[in-house]
Amino acid sequence: MANLKRNKLGRFVRNKEDRHCLNCGKVLCRYGKSIRCKSCRNKYNHPKAGKGTLSDKGHKLITKKGKQIREHRYVWEKTNNMKIPKGFIIHHIDNNKINNKPDNLMLMSNAEHTSLHRAQRIWLGL
């Protein structure tokens, strides 16, 4: 608990110096969920996407039969020859939403996916 201090409400919080960008090491804002600074976030999540567009959450969108769909869902369904079951999510193993290679995609239940990202946030101190 050496890196923690108490705030005005008596809760333990991390010092500002403990929050650094994973890519460049720049000090981040103490509050918020980001693990990268704004410039690194743009480079990491939004490289040139090629054909298609990006959704508001950073997923690549493609057009099939006149409808826009998320490419990672389409790739997983075609690779595994089955529809994504209800209550399941396609997870990007390397957390890069543009990398839609079949070996980077994993089927997870909503609960597993939520607990995985919650654990990552706790581990990173967010």
N, C-alpha and C. Protein backbone atom coordinates (compact mmCIF):
# COMPACT_ATOMS: atom_id res chain seq x y z
N MET A 1 0.81 -1.19 0.00
CA MET A 1 0.00 0.00 0.00
C MET A 1 0.86 1.26 0.00
N ALA A 2 2.15 1.10 -0.37
CA ALA A 2 3.03 2.25 -0.38
C ALA A 2 2.66 3.24 -1.48
N ASN A 3 2.09 2.75 -2.59
CA ASN A 3 1.73 3.63 -3.70
C ASN A 3 0.34 4.24 -3.53
N LEU A 4 -0.33 3.95 -2.43
CA LEU A 4 -1.68 4.45 -2.22
C LEU A 4 -1.69 5.53 -1.16
N LYS A 5 -2.65 6.44 -1.27
CA LYS A 5 -2.87 7.44 -0.23
C LYS A 5 -4.37 7.59 -0.05
N ARG A 6 -4.77 8.18 1.05
CA ARG A 6 -6.21 8.36 1.32
C ARG A 6 -6.68 9.70 0.74
N ASN A 7 -7.88 9.69 0.14
CA ASN A 7 -8.46 10.94 -0.36
C ASN A 7 -9.29 11.58 0.74
N LYS A 8 -10.03 12.65 0.42
CA LYS A 8 -10.82 13.37 1.42
C LYS A 8 -11.89 12.51 2.06
N LEU A 9 -12.37 11.51 1.33
CA LEU A 9 -13.42 10.62 1.86
C LEU A 9 -12.85 9.44 2.64
N GLY A 10 -11.52 9.37 2.72
CA GLY A 10 -10.89 8.28 3.46
C GLY A 10 -10.66 7.03 2.63
N ARG A 11 -10.94 7.09 1.32
CA ARG A 11 -10.72 5.94 0.45
C ARG A 11 -9.29 5.95 -0.07
N PHE A 12 -8.75 4.76 -0.33
CA PHE A 12 -7.41 4.66 -0.89
C PHE A 12 -7.45 4.95 -2.38
N VAL A 13 -6.54 5.79 -2.87
CA VAL A 13 -6.41 6.08 -4.29
C VAL A 13 -4.93 6.01 -4.66
N ARG A 14 -4.66 5.69 -5.92
CA ARG A 14 -3.28 5.64 -6.40
C ARG A 14 -2.76 7.06 -6.63
N ASN A 15 -1.46 7.23 -6.46
CA ASN A 15 -0.83 8.51 -6.76
C ASN A 15 -0.87 8.73 -8.27
N LYS A 16 -0.89 9.98 -8.70
CA LYS A 16 -0.96 10.32 -10.12
C LYS A 16 0.23 9.75 -10.87
N GLU A 17 1.39 9.67 -10.24
CA GLU A 17 2.60 9.19 -10.89
C GLU A 17 2.49 7.71 -11.28
N ASP A 18 1.58 6.97 -10.67
CA ASP A 18 1.45 5.54 -10.95
C ASP A 18 0.72 5.25 -12.26
N ARG A 19 0.07 6.26 -12.85
CA ARG A 19 -0.72 6.06 -14.07
C ARG A 19 0.08 6.54 -15.27
N HIS A 20 0.58 5.61 -16.07
CA HIS A 20 1.38 5.95 -17.24
C HIS A 20 0.81 5.26 -18.47
N CYS A 21 1.00 5.90 -19.62
CA CYS A 21 0.59 5.33 -20.90
C CYS A 21 1.39 4.05 -21.14
N LEU A 22 0.72 2.98 -21.60
CA LEU A 22 1.41 1.71 -21.85
C LEU A 22 2.41 1.82 -22.99
N ASN A 23 2.19 2.74 -23.94
CA ASN A 23 3.07 2.84 -25.10
C ASN A 23 4.23 3.79 -24.87
N CYS A 24 3.94 5.04 -24.50
CA CYS A 24 5.00 6.05 -24.44
C CYS A 24 5.44 6.40 -23.02
N GLY A 25 4.67 5.99 -22.01
CA GLY A 25 5.04 6.26 -20.63
C GLY A 25 4.62 7.61 -20.09
N LYS A 26 3.87 8.39 -20.90
CA LYS A 26 3.39 9.71 -20.47
C LYS A 26 2.45 9.55 -19.28
N VAL A 27 2.50 10.48 -18.31
CA VAL A 27 1.62 10.43 -17.14
C VAL A 27 0.18 10.71 -17.58
N LEU A 28 -0.74 9.88 -17.13
CA LEU A 28 -2.15 10.02 -17.49
C LEU A 28 -2.93 10.69 -16.37
N CYS A 29 -4.12 11.14 -16.70
CA CYS A 29 -5.04 11.71 -15.72
C CYS A 29 -5.36 10.65 -14.67
N ARG A 30 -5.48 11.03 -13.45
CA ARG A 30 -5.73 10.10 -12.36
C ARG A 30 -7.10 9.45 -12.47
N TYR A 31 -8.06 10.18 -12.99
CA TYR A 31 -9.41 9.65 -13.12
C TYR A 31 -9.63 9.22 -14.55
N GLY A 32 -10.45 8.22 -14.76
CA GLY A 32 -10.72 7.74 -16.11
C GLY A 32 -10.24 6.32 -16.28
N LYS A 33 -10.63 5.72 -17.39
CA LYS A 33 -10.35 4.30 -17.60
C LYS A 33 -9.26 4.05 -18.62
N SER A 34 -8.74 5.09 -19.24
CA SER A 34 -7.80 4.93 -20.33
C SER A 34 -6.47 4.36 -19.84
N ILE A 35 -5.87 3.50 -20.67
CA ILE A 35 -4.56 2.95 -20.36
C ILE A 35 -3.50 3.51 -21.30
N ARG A 36 -3.92 4.34 -22.25
CA ARG A 36 -3.01 4.99 -23.19
C ARG A 36 -3.34 6.47 -23.29
N CYS A 37 -2.33 7.30 -23.61
CA CYS A 37 -2.58 8.72 -23.84
C CYS A 37 -3.34 8.89 -25.15
N LYS A 38 -3.87 10.07 -25.38
CA LYS A 38 -4.72 10.29 -26.55
C LYS A 38 -3.99 10.02 -27.86
N SER A 39 -2.75 10.46 -27.98
CA SER A 39 -2.02 10.26 -29.23
C SER A 39 -1.73 8.78 -29.47
N CYS A 40 -1.37 8.03 -28.44
CA CYS A 40 -1.11 6.60 -28.61
C CYS A 40 -2.40 5.83 -28.85
N ARG A 41 -3.50 6.25 -28.22
CA ARG A 41 -4.80 5.61 -28.43
C ARG A 41 -5.20 5.70 -29.89
N ASN A 42 -5.00 6.86 -30.50
CA ASN A 42 -5.35 7.03 -31.91
C ASN A 42 -4.49 6.15 -32.80
N LYS A 43 -3.20 6.03 -32.50
CA LYS A 43 -2.32 5.18 -33.31
C LYS A 43 -2.67 3.71 -33.12
N TYR A 44 -2.96 3.31 -31.87
CA TYR A 44 -3.18 1.90 -31.56
C TYR A 44 -4.53 1.40 -32.08
N ASN A 45 -5.60 2.16 -31.88
CA ASN A 45 -6.94 1.69 -32.23
C ASN A 45 -7.40 2.08 -33.63
N HIS A 46 -6.76 3.07 -34.24
CA HIS A 46 -7.27 3.54 -35.51
C HIS A 46 -6.20 3.65 -36.58
N PRO A 47 -5.49 2.55 -36.88
CA PRO A 47 -4.59 2.61 -38.02
C PRO A 47 -5.43 2.66 -39.29
N LYS A 48 -4.82 2.81 -40.44
CA LYS A 48 -5.59 2.83 -41.67
C LYS A 48 -6.39 1.55 -41.77
N ALA A 49 -7.68 1.67 -41.82
CA ALA A 49 -8.56 0.52 -41.75
C ALA A 49 -8.76 -0.15 -43.11
N GLY A 50 -8.31 0.45 -44.18
CA GLY A 50 -8.53 -0.14 -45.50
C GLY A 50 -9.99 0.03 -45.89
N LYS A 51 -10.55 -0.99 -46.55
CA LYS A 51 -11.96 -0.90 -46.94
C LYS A 51 -12.85 -0.92 -45.72
N GLY A 52 -13.98 -0.26 -45.84
CA GLY A 52 -14.93 -0.21 -44.74
C GLY A 52 -14.74 1.06 -43.92
N THR A 53 -15.54 1.18 -42.90
CA THR A 53 -15.47 2.35 -42.02
C THR A 53 -15.32 1.86 -40.59
N LEU A 54 -15.14 2.80 -39.68
CA LEU A 54 -15.03 2.46 -38.26
C LEU A 54 -16.30 2.88 -37.54
N SER A 55 -16.75 2.03 -36.62
CA SER A 55 -17.90 2.38 -35.80
C SER A 55 -17.47 3.39 -34.74
N ASP A 56 -18.43 3.90 -34.00
CA ASP A 56 -18.09 4.87 -32.95
C ASP A 56 -17.26 4.24 -31.84
N LYS A 57 -17.29 2.92 -31.71
CA LYS A 57 -16.48 2.24 -30.69
C LYS A 57 -15.16 1.71 -31.24
N GLY A 58 -14.88 1.98 -32.53
CA GLY A 58 -13.59 1.60 -33.11
C GLY A 58 -13.57 0.28 -33.83
N HIS A 59 -14.70 -0.41 -33.96
CA HIS A 59 -14.75 -1.67 -34.70
C HIS A 59 -14.87 -1.39 -36.19
N LYS A 60 -14.24 -2.22 -37.01
CA LYS A 60 -14.32 -2.06 -38.45
C LYS A 60 -15.68 -2.55 -38.94
N LEU A 61 -16.33 -1.74 -39.77
CA LEU A 61 -17.63 -2.10 -40.34
C LEU A 61 -17.47 -2.42 -41.82
N ILE A 62 -18.15 -3.48 -42.28
CA ILE A 62 -18.16 -3.82 -43.69
C ILE A 62 -19.61 -3.93 -44.14
N THR A 63 -19.84 -3.86 -45.45
CA THR A 63 -21.19 -3.95 -45.98
C THR A 63 -21.40 -5.31 -46.62
N LYS A 64 -22.41 -6.03 -46.17
CA LYS A 64 -22.79 -7.32 -46.73
C LYS A 64 -24.29 -7.29 -46.96
N LYS A 65 -24.70 -7.61 -48.17
CA LYS A 65 -26.12 -7.63 -48.54
C LYS A 65 -26.81 -6.31 -48.21
N GLY A 66 -26.11 -5.20 -48.42
CA GLY A 66 -26.68 -3.88 -48.20
C GLY A 66 -26.75 -3.43 -46.76
N LYS A 67 -26.23 -4.23 -45.81
CA LYS A 67 -26.25 -3.86 -44.39
C LYS A 67 -24.83 -3.73 -43.87
N GLN A 68 -24.62 -2.76 -42.99
CA GLN A 68 -23.31 -2.64 -42.36
C GLN A 68 -23.26 -3.57 -41.15
N ILE A 69 -22.21 -4.39 -41.09
CA ILE A 69 -22.02 -5.31 -39.96
C ILE A 69 -20.59 -5.18 -39.46
N ARG A 70 -20.35 -5.62 -38.24
CA ARG A 70 -19.00 -5.59 -37.68
C ARG A 70 -18.19 -6.73 -38.28
N GLU A 71 -17.02 -6.37 -38.80
CA GLU A 71 -16.20 -7.33 -39.53
C GLU A 71 -15.77 -8.50 -38.64
N HIS A 72 -15.44 -8.25 -37.37
CA HIS A 72 -14.95 -9.34 -36.52
C HIS A 72 -16.02 -10.42 -36.32
N ARG A 73 -17.28 -10.02 -36.24
CA ARG A 73 -18.37 -11.00 -36.11
C ARG A 73 -18.50 -11.83 -37.39
N TYR A 74 -18.41 -11.14 -38.54
CA TYR A 74 -18.52 -11.82 -39.82
C TYR A 74 -17.37 -12.83 -40.01
N VAL A 75 -16.14 -12.40 -39.70
CA VAL A 75 -14.97 -13.27 -39.84
C VAL A 75 -15.10 -14.50 -38.95
N TRP A 76 -15.52 -14.31 -37.69
CA TRP A 76 -15.65 -15.44 -36.77
C TRP A 76 -16.72 -16.42 -37.27
N GLU A 77 -17.87 -15.91 -37.72
CA GLU A 77 -18.94 -16.77 -38.21
C GLU A 77 -18.51 -17.56 -39.44
N LYS A 78 -17.79 -16.93 -40.37
CA LYS A 78 -17.34 -17.63 -41.58
C LYS A 78 -16.25 -18.66 -41.25
N THR A 79 -15.36 -18.34 -40.33
CA THR A 79 -14.28 -19.25 -39.96
C THR A 79 -14.82 -20.49 -39.24
N ASN A 80 -15.82 -20.30 -38.36
CA ASN A 80 -16.32 -21.40 -37.54
C ASN A 80 -17.60 -22.03 -38.09
N ASN A 81 -18.08 -21.53 -39.22
CA ASN A 81 -19.29 -22.06 -39.87
C ASN A 81 -20.49 -22.16 -38.94
N MET A 82 -20.69 -21.16 -38.12
CA MET A 82 -21.86 -21.12 -37.24
C MET A 82 -22.16 -19.68 -36.84
N LYS A 83 -23.41 -19.43 -36.49
CA LYS A 83 -23.81 -18.11 -36.00
C LYS A 83 -23.33 -17.94 -34.57
N ILE A 84 -23.17 -16.70 -34.16
CA ILE A 84 -22.78 -16.41 -32.78
C ILE A 84 -24.02 -16.64 -31.91
N PRO A 85 -23.92 -17.52 -30.89
CA PRO A 85 -25.09 -17.78 -30.04
C PRO A 85 -25.50 -16.54 -29.25
N LYS A 86 -26.78 -16.49 -28.88
CA LYS A 86 -27.30 -15.39 -28.07
C LYS A 86 -26.57 -15.37 -26.73
N GLY A 87 -26.23 -14.18 -26.27
CA GLY A 87 -25.56 -14.04 -24.98
C GLY A 87 -24.05 -14.21 -25.07
N PHE A 88 -23.50 -14.28 -26.29
CA PHE A 88 -22.06 -14.44 -26.46
C PHE A 88 -21.49 -13.26 -27.24
N ILE A 89 -20.21 -13.03 -27.05
CA ILE A 89 -19.49 -11.90 -27.65
C ILE A 89 -18.22 -12.43 -28.31
N ILE A 90 -17.78 -11.75 -29.36
CA ILE A 90 -16.49 -12.06 -29.96
C ILE A 90 -15.46 -11.10 -29.36
N HIS A 91 -14.46 -11.66 -28.70
CA HIS A 91 -13.43 -10.89 -28.00
C HIS A 91 -12.16 -10.84 -28.84
N HIS A 92 -11.53 -9.65 -28.94
CA HIS A 92 -10.23 -9.50 -29.59
C HIS A 92 -9.15 -9.82 -28.55
N ILE A 93 -8.40 -10.87 -28.75
CA ILE A 93 -7.42 -11.33 -27.77
C ILE A 93 -6.36 -10.26 -27.48
N ASP A 94 -5.88 -9.57 -28.53
CA ASP A 94 -4.84 -8.55 -28.32
C ASP A 94 -5.42 -7.17 -28.03
N ASN A 95 -6.74 -7.06 -27.86
CA ASN A 95 -7.46 -5.82 -27.57
C ASN A 95 -7.36 -4.77 -28.67
N ASN A 96 -6.90 -5.16 -29.87
CA ASN A 96 -6.85 -4.26 -31.01
C ASN A 96 -8.10 -4.52 -31.85
N LYS A 97 -9.03 -3.58 -31.86
CA LYS A 97 -10.32 -3.77 -32.51
C LYS A 97 -10.24 -3.83 -34.03
N ILE A 98 -9.12 -3.48 -34.61
CA ILE A 98 -8.93 -3.53 -36.06
C ILE A 98 -8.37 -4.88 -36.49
N ASN A 99 -7.69 -5.57 -35.61
CA ASN A 99 -7.08 -6.86 -35.94
C ASN A 99 -8.15 -7.96 -35.93
N ASN A 100 -8.70 -8.26 -37.09
CA ASN A 100 -9.79 -9.23 -37.19
C ASN A 100 -9.34 -10.56 -37.78
N LYS A 101 -8.08 -10.93 -37.56
CA LYS A 101 -7.59 -12.24 -38.02
C LYS A 101 -8.27 -13.32 -37.18
N PRO A 102 -8.62 -14.44 -37.79
CA PRO A 102 -9.34 -15.50 -37.06
C PRO A 102 -8.64 -15.97 -35.79
N ASP A 103 -7.31 -16.01 -35.77
CA ASP A 103 -6.60 -16.48 -34.57
C ASP A 103 -6.60 -15.44 -33.44
N ASN A 104 -7.08 -14.22 -33.72
CA ASN A 104 -7.16 -13.17 -32.70
C ASN A 104 -8.57 -13.04 -32.12
N LEU A 105 -9.52 -13.82 -32.62
CA LEU A 105 -10.92 -13.71 -32.19
C LEU A 105 -11.30 -14.89 -31.33
N MET A 106 -12.03 -14.63 -30.24
CA MET A 106 -12.43 -15.68 -29.30
C MET A 106 -13.89 -15.48 -28.90
N LEU A 107 -14.66 -16.56 -28.90
CA LEU A 107 -16.05 -16.52 -28.47
C LEU A 107 -16.09 -16.59 -26.94
N MET A 108 -16.80 -15.65 -26.32
CA MET A 108 -16.92 -15.62 -24.86
C MET A 108 -18.35 -15.26 -24.49
N SER A 109 -18.79 -15.73 -23.34
CA SER A 109 -20.10 -15.30 -22.84
C SER A 109 -19.98 -13.86 -22.37
N ASN A 110 -21.12 -13.19 -22.28
CA ASN A 110 -21.12 -11.80 -21.79
C ASN A 110 -20.49 -11.71 -20.41
N ALA A 111 -20.81 -12.66 -19.53
CA ALA A 111 -20.29 -12.64 -18.15
C ALA A 111 -18.78 -12.82 -18.14
N GLU A 112 -18.26 -13.77 -18.93
CA GLU A 112 -16.81 -13.99 -19.00
C GLU A 112 -16.10 -12.75 -19.52
N HIS A 113 -16.68 -12.14 -20.54
CA HIS A 113 -16.08 -10.95 -21.15
C HIS A 113 -16.03 -9.79 -20.17
N THR A 114 -17.13 -9.59 -19.45
CA THR A 114 -17.18 -8.51 -18.46
C THR A 114 -16.15 -8.74 -17.35
N SER A 115 -16.08 -9.97 -16.83
CA SER A 115 -15.14 -10.25 -15.74
C SER A 115 -13.69 -10.14 -16.21
N LEU A 116 -13.42 -10.52 -17.48
CA LEU A 116 -12.06 -10.39 -18.01
C LEU A 116 -11.63 -8.92 -18.04
N HIS A 117 -12.48 -8.05 -18.58
CA HIS A 117 -12.12 -6.64 -18.67
C HIS A 117 -12.11 -5.97 -17.29
N ARG A 118 -12.95 -6.41 -16.39
CA ARG A 118 -12.92 -5.87 -15.03
C ARG A 118 -11.59 -6.24 -14.36
N ALA A 119 -11.14 -7.48 -14.56
CA ALA A 119 -9.87 -7.92 -13.99
C ALA A 119 -8.71 -7.13 -14.60
N GLN A 120 -8.77 -6.85 -15.90
CA GLN A 120 -7.71 -6.06 -16.54
C GLN A 120 -7.67 -4.66 -15.96
N ARG A 121 -8.83 -4.06 -15.71
CA ARG A 121 -8.86 -2.71 -15.14
C ARG A 121 -8.31 -2.69 -13.72
N ILE A 122 -8.65 -3.71 -12.94
CA ILE A 122 -8.15 -3.79 -11.56
C ILE A 122 -6.64 -3.98 -11.59
N TRP A 123 -6.16 -4.86 -12.47
CA TRP A 123 -4.72 -5.12 -12.56
C TRP A 123 -3.96 -3.87 -12.96
N LEU A 124 -4.57 -3.07 -13.85
CA LEU A 124 -3.91 -1.84 -14.30
C LEU A 124 -4.15 -0.66 -13.36
N GLY A 125 -4.99 -0.87 -12.35
CA GLY A 125 -5.24 0.18 -11.38
C GLY A 125 -6.19 1.26 -11.87
N LEU A 126 -7.15 0.87 -12.71
CA LEU A 126 -8.10 1.86 -13.24
C LEU A 126 -9.38 1.86 -12.47
